[in-house]
Amino acid sequence: MARTINATTAAKRFREVLNDVEHRGETFEVERHGRLVARIGPTEQATHRRLSWKEALALLNAGPSPDADFARDLQESRQQVELPPEDPWARS
């Protein structure tokens, strides 16, 4: 069920409205002069159920394992990357 707020409140508390939409999945109906003019709510992508850590780990464990060449490929990639200095904030 959508919460109804007036346009002034929506403008003054827009950050809070967006946080409630993003984190709580709430929907707001915005009125101006007593007329409904907008609806602010989660997108279709945001309405997908979030996974718990336990569910995410179970999916990762059920997935494919790295092939035999994975470790070698990873090592080769690491050798091609220039490492940053030990202290990037040190003066040269």
C-alpha atoms as a PDB file:
ATOM      1  CA  MET A   1       0.000   0.000   0.000  1.00  0.00           C
ATOM      2  CA  ALA A   2       1.358   3.413  -0.974  1.00  0.00           C
ATOM      3  CA  ARG A   3       1.913   6.224   1.490  1.00  0.00           C
ATOM      4  CA  THR A   4       0.488   9.579   0.444  1.00  0.00           C
ATOM      5  CA  ILE A   5       2.622  12.684   0.930  1.00  0.00           C
ATOM      6  CA  ASN A   6       2.280  16.224  -0.368  1.00  0.00           C
ATOM      7  CA  ALA A   7       4.752  17.675  -2.876  1.00  0.00           C
ATOM      8  CA  THR A   8       6.349  20.003  -0.328  1.00  0.00           C
ATOM      9  CA  THR A   9       7.113  17.131   2.042  1.00  0.00           C
ATOM     10  CA  ALA A  10       8.434  15.023  -0.845  1.00  0.00           C
ATOM     11  CA  ALA A  11      10.781  17.827  -1.869  1.00  0.00           C
ATOM     12  CA  LYS A  12      12.006  18.560   1.662  1.00  0.00           C
ATOM     13  CA  ARG A  13      12.541  14.888   2.510  1.00  0.00           C
ATOM     14  CA  PHE A  14      13.458  13.483  -0.892  1.00  0.00           C
ATOM     15  CA  ARG A  15      16.554  11.683   0.432  1.00  0.00           C
ATOM     16  CA  GLU A  16      14.467   9.950   3.110  1.00  0.00           C
ATOM     17  CA  VAL A  17      11.785   9.054   0.565  1.00  0.00           C
ATOM     18  CA  LEU A  18      14.372   7.462  -1.744  1.00  0.00           C
ATOM     19  CA  ASN A  19      15.926   5.573   1.173  1.00  0.00           C
ATOM     20  CA  ASP A  20      12.512   4.163   2.129  1.00  0.00           C
ATOM     21  CA  VAL A  21      11.920   3.155  -1.493  1.00  0.00           C
ATOM     22  CA  GLU A  22      15.330   1.531  -1.886  1.00  0.00           C
ATOM     23  CA  HIS A  23      15.692  -0.184   1.480  1.00  0.00           C
ATOM     24  CA  ARG A  24      12.117  -0.889   2.517  1.00  0.00           C
ATOM     25  CA  GLY A  25      10.435  -1.248  -0.866  1.00  0.00           C
ATOM     26  CA  GLU A  26       7.897   1.441   0.002  1.00  0.00           C
ATOM     27  CA  THR A  27       5.850   3.350  -2.570  1.00  0.00           C
ATOM     28  CA  PHE A  28       4.801   6.985  -2.183  1.00  0.00           C
ATOM     29  CA  GLU A  29       1.964   8.826  -3.912  1.00  0.00           C
ATOM     30  CA  VAL A  30       2.700  12.523  -4.193  1.00  0.00           C
ATOM     31  CA  GLU A  31      -0.153  15.024  -4.123  1.00  0.00           C
ATOM     32  CA  ARG A  32      -0.148  18.650  -5.208  1.00  0.00           C
ATOM     33  CA  HIS A  33      -3.158  20.770  -4.208  1.00  0.00           C
ATOM     34  CA  GLY A  34      -5.014  17.587  -3.248  1.00  0.00           C
ATOM     35  CA  ARG A  35      -4.485  15.876  -6.625  1.00  0.00           C
ATOM     36  CA  LEU A  36      -2.316  12.827  -7.163  1.00  0.00           C
ATOM     37  CA  VAL A  37       0.522  13.874  -9.497  1.00  0.00           C
ATOM     38  CA  ALA A  38       3.242  11.233  -9.073  1.00  0.00           C
ATOM     39  CA  ARG A  39       4.099   7.843  -7.691  1.00  0.00           C
ATOM     40  CA  ILE A  40       7.593   7.074  -6.393  1.00  0.00           C
ATOM     41  CA  GLY A  41       8.397   3.406  -5.878  1.00  0.00           C
ATOM     42  CA  PRO A  42      10.809   0.570  -6.546  1.00  0.00           C
ATOM     43  CA  THR A  43      11.643  -0.327 -10.132  1.00  0.00           C
ATOM     44  CA  GLU A  44      10.970  -3.817 -11.449  1.00  0.00           C
ATOM     45  CA  GLN A  45      14.661  -4.659 -10.985  1.00  0.00           C
ATOM     46  CA  ALA A  46      14.573  -3.544  -7.357  1.00  0.00           C
ATOM     47  CA  THR A  47      11.542  -5.691  -6.517  1.00  0.00           C
ATOM     48  CA  HIS A  48      13.460  -8.934  -6.920  1.00  0.00           C
ATOM     49  CA  ARG A  49      13.989 -10.708  -3.642  1.00  0.00           C
ATOM     50  CA  ARG A  50      17.410 -10.219  -2.108  1.00  0.00           C
ATOM     51  CA  LEU A  51      19.415 -13.274  -1.147  1.00  0.00           C
ATOM     52  CA  SER A  52      20.717 -13.941   2.322  1.00  0.00           C
ATOM     53  CA  TRP A  53      24.433 -14.654   2.717  1.00  0.00           C
ATOM     54  CA  LYS A  54      23.626 -18.303   3.324  1.00  0.00           C
ATOM     55  CA  GLU A  55      21.625 -18.529   0.070  1.00  0.00           C
ATOM     56  CA  ALA A  56      24.324 -16.709  -1.913  1.00  0.00           C
ATOM     57  CA  LEU A  57      27.054 -19.029  -0.619  1.00  0.00           C
ATOM     58  CA  ALA A  58      24.930 -22.080  -1.422  1.00  0.00           C
ATOM     59  CA  LEU A  59      24.516 -20.832  -5.008  1.00  0.00           C
ATOM     60  CA  LEU A  60      28.251 -20.222  -5.342  1.00  0.00           C
ATOM     61  CA  ASN A  61      29.071 -23.678  -3.994  1.00  0.00           C
ATOM     62  CA  ALA A  62      26.578 -25.291  -6.369  1.00  0.00           C
ATOM     63  CA  GLY A  63      28.117 -23.518  -9.374  1.00  0.00           C
ATOM     64  CA  PRO A  64      30.898 -24.767 -11.608  1.00  0.00           C
ATOM     65  CA  SER A  65      34.391 -25.198 -10.226  1.00  0.00           C
ATOM     66  CA  PRO A  66      37.367 -23.472 -11.832  1.00  0.00           C
ATOM     67  CA  ASP A  67      39.061 -25.536 -14.530  1.00  0.00           C
ATOM     68  CA  ALA A  68      42.579 -26.921 -14.193  1.00  0.00           C
ATOM     69  CA  ASP A  69      44.136 -23.868 -15.889  1.00  0.00           C
ATOM     70  CA  PHE A  70      42.472 -21.316 -13.618  1.00  0.00           C
ATOM     71  CA  ALA A  71      45.369 -20.991 -11.142  1.00  0.00           C
ATOM     72  CA  ARG A  72      47.883 -20.577 -13.979  1.00  0.00           C
ATOM     73  CA  ASP A  73      45.709 -17.982 -15.730  1.00  0.00           C
ATOM     74  CA  LEU A  74      45.280 -16.061 -12.481  1.00  0.00           C
ATOM     75  CA  GLN A  75      49.025 -16.075 -11.838  1.00  0.00           C
ATOM     76  CA  GLU A  76      49.731 -14.813 -15.381  1.00  0.00           C
ATOM     77  CA  SER A  77      47.202 -12.016 -14.939  1.00  0.00           C
ATOM     78  CA  ARG A  78      48.768 -10.958 -11.656  1.00  0.00           C
ATOM     79  CA  GLN A  79      52.219 -10.802 -13.258  1.00  0.00           C
ATOM     80  CA  GLN A  80      50.926  -8.450 -15.967  1.00  0.00           C
ATOM     81  CA  VAL A  81      49.537  -5.941 -13.463  1.00  0.00           C
ATOM     82  CA  GLU A  82      51.887  -3.275 -12.138  1.00  0.00           C
ATOM     83  CA  LEU A  83      51.750  -3.258  -8.365  1.00  0.00           C
ATOM     84  CA  PRO A  84      51.201   0.073  -6.606  1.00  0.00           C
ATOM     85  CA  PRO A  85      53.958   1.392  -4.323  1.00  0.00           C
ATOM     86  CA  GLU A  86      53.867   0.052  -0.769  1.00  0.00           C
ATOM     87  CA  ASP A  87      52.883   3.485   0.542  1.00  0.00           C
ATOM     88  CA  PRO A  88      50.973   5.388  -2.160  1.00  0.00           C
ATOM     89  CA  TRP A  89      50.901   8.504   0.061  1.00  0.00           C
ATOM     90  CA  ALA A  90      54.654   8.621   0.615  1.00  0.00           C
ATOM     91  CA  ARG A  91      56.369  11.639  -0.907  1.00  0.00           C
ATOM     92  CA  SER A  92      58.716  10.839  -3.765  1.00  0.00           C
END
